[in-house]
Structures are given as structure tokens and as C-alpha cells.
Protein backbone atom coordinates (compact mmCIF):
# COMPACT_ATOMS: atom_id res chain seq x y z
CA MET A 1 26.88 13.90 6.79
CA MET A 2 25.37 10.96 8.79
CA ILE A 3 27.04 12.33 11.94
CA GLN A 4 25.46 15.74 11.48
CA LEU A 5 22.01 14.25 11.11
CA LEU A 6 22.44 12.17 14.27
CA GLN A 7 23.67 15.24 16.22
CA ALA A 8 20.71 17.34 14.94
CA ALA A 9 18.06 14.87 15.93
CA PRO A 10 18.42 15.23 19.73
CA ALA A 11 18.60 19.04 19.41
CA ALA A 12 15.30 19.06 17.45
CA ALA A 13 13.69 16.79 20.04
CA GLU A 14 14.68 19.10 22.89
CA GLY A 15 12.83 21.97 21.21
CA LYS A 16 9.58 20.09 21.17
CA GLY A 17 9.88 18.49 24.51
CA MET A 18 10.06 14.75 24.87
CA GLY A 19 6.76 12.94 25.06
CA GLY A 20 4.77 16.09 24.20
CA PHE A 21 1.15 15.78 23.30
CA ASP A 22 0.53 17.14 19.76
CA PRO A 23 -3.13 17.43 18.95
CA THR A 24 -2.48 18.25 15.28
CA MET A 25 -0.76 14.94 14.78
CA ILE A 26 -3.80 13.10 16.20
CA ILE A 27 -6.14 15.07 13.96
CA MET A 28 -3.99 14.23 10.92
CA LEU A 29 -4.08 10.50 11.81
CA VAL A 30 -7.88 10.51 12.26
CA ALA A 31 -8.19 12.36 8.90
CA LEU A 32 -5.91 9.87 7.24
CA PHE A 33 -7.91 6.93 8.54
CA ALA A 34 -11.21 8.55 7.43
CA ILE A 35 -9.90 9.09 3.92
CA MET A 36 -8.69 5.51 3.76
CA TYR A 37 -12.00 4.23 4.94
CA PHE A 38 -14.15 6.19 2.45
CA PHE A 39 -11.92 5.69 -0.54
CA MET A 40 -10.67 2.14 -0.04
CA ILE A 41 -12.38 0.05 2.66
CA ARG A 42 -16.04 1.06 2.19
CA PRO A 43 -16.10 0.57 -1.64
CA GLN A 44 -14.44 -2.79 -1.27
CA GLN A 45 -17.00 -3.89 1.27
CA LYS A 46 -19.90 -2.79 -1.04
CA LYS A 47 -18.33 -4.72 -3.93
CA GLN A 48 -18.05 -7.85 -1.77
CA LYS A 49 -21.68 -7.62 -0.69
CA GLU A 50 -22.72 -7.35 -4.41
CA ILE A 51 -20.71 -10.42 -5.26
CA GLN A 52 -22.08 -12.39 -2.36
CA LYS A 53 -25.64 -11.38 -3.35
CA PHE A 54 -25.01 -12.62 -6.83
CA ARG A 55 -23.62 -15.93 -5.63
CA ASN A 56 -26.69 -16.42 -3.43
CA SER A 57 -29.03 -15.78 -6.33
CA LEU A 58 -27.35 -18.27 -8.73
CA THR A 59 -29.77 -20.40 -10.79
CA VAL A 60 -29.29 -23.12 -13.37
CA GLY A 61 -28.68 -21.54 -16.76
CA THR A 62 -26.96 -18.43 -15.51
CA ARG A 63 -23.89 -17.48 -17.54
CA VAL A 64 -20.90 -16.87 -15.34
CA VAL A 65 -17.13 -16.27 -15.28
CA THR A 66 -14.89 -18.25 -13.05
CA GLY A 67 -11.91 -16.76 -11.10
CA GLY A 68 -9.63 -18.44 -13.70
CA GLY A 69 -11.35 -16.62 -16.55
CA LEU A 70 -13.49 -19.53 -17.90
CA TYR A 71 -16.88 -18.54 -19.29
CA GLY A 72 -19.77 -21.00 -18.88
CA THR A 73 -23.29 -21.74 -17.93
CA ILE A 74 -24.32 -23.25 -14.61
CA LYS A 75 -25.73 -26.74 -15.03
CA GLU A 76 -26.10 -27.90 -11.39
CA LEU A 77 -25.97 -25.94 -8.07
CA ASN A 78 -25.17 -28.97 -5.90
CA GLU A 79 -26.95 -27.78 -2.80
CA GLY A 80 -25.10 -28.43 0.36
CA GLU A 81 -21.81 -28.67 -1.55
CA PRO A 82 -19.11 -25.97 -1.73
CA TYR A 83 -19.05 -26.14 -5.55
CA VAL A 84 -21.26 -25.65 -8.66
CA THR A 85 -21.19 -27.58 -11.95
CA ILE A 86 -20.45 -25.35 -14.92
CA GLU A 87 -20.64 -26.28 -18.58
CA ILE A 88 -17.84 -24.51 -20.41
CA SER A 89 -18.43 -26.14 -23.80
CA LYS A 90 -20.98 -28.52 -25.20
CA GLY A 91 -20.64 -31.71 -23.20
CA VAL A 92 -17.73 -30.40 -21.05
CA THR A 93 -18.62 -29.74 -17.43
CA ILE A 94 -16.35 -28.79 -14.49
CA HIS A 95 -16.81 -28.38 -10.77
CA VAL A 96 -15.92 -24.86 -9.51
CA ASP A 97 -15.85 -23.59 -5.95
CA ARG A 98 -18.69 -21.18 -5.35
CA ASN A 99 -16.29 -18.52 -4.17
CA TYR A 100 -14.64 -18.39 -7.66
CA VAL A 101 -17.87 -17.77 -9.59
CA PHE A 102 -18.54 -14.21 -10.78
CA ALA A 103 -21.18 -12.47 -12.94
CA ASP A 104 -20.69 -12.73 -16.71
CA VAL A 105 -19.13 -9.46 -17.88
CA ALA A 106 -21.07 -9.36 -21.10
CA GLN A 107 -24.42 -9.48 -19.21
CA THR A 108 -23.44 -6.74 -16.75
CA VAL A 109 -22.33 -4.36 -19.58
CA GLN A 110 -25.66 -4.78 -21.39
CA LYS A 111 -27.64 -3.58 -18.38
């Protein structure tokens, strides 16, 4: 079976001509890229911009969720530092990298 497939491949290539320019193939590749851009890349970029906008607008007292799933309230923004201080329980504070702070899901659902 494998030998038959290997013998058939050169015969099929001879019919098309080696190195032939196929415009339909280029059109299909461009269409595939456009579909990927509009359904995958562009929405992800929009979401990243929204998250970055939220991180830039953080204030003390904002309820947030960390990347690890911890819910808490921002207690200190620590300007100039790459982290924020979050209170996760009464008297319990942790430092979390700003890149791992997201909007509180409960607040976004209420809007």
C-alpha cells in the first residue's frame, strides 16, 4: 500500500507541473489568515486592552480577583513598585504582581 502511494505522488505532481503558481491556493491562505485574525487575534487584543485599562484605573478599596483565584480588596497601590497589596481577609494582606490582578467577577456581572 505504501509503495503504491509513493509511486502515485510523482505521477500527480507531473500533472500539475512542478513549481506551478496556483492563485487559488494563495487566496485560500489569505482567507484563512483573515478568518484567524477576526475570530481569534482581534478579540484577544481587545480583551487585553480592557484588562490593561482596568489595571491602570485601580484604586484603594477596589474588589479584585488574583490570577490564583483569591478574592480581596486593594489596600495599597505601591506606586513605582510592580505589586499591589491586597487584603484577602480581615488583617491578612498579601503582595500580588499587578499583572495577576483582574476585575472582580461579581462586580462585572452586576453591571
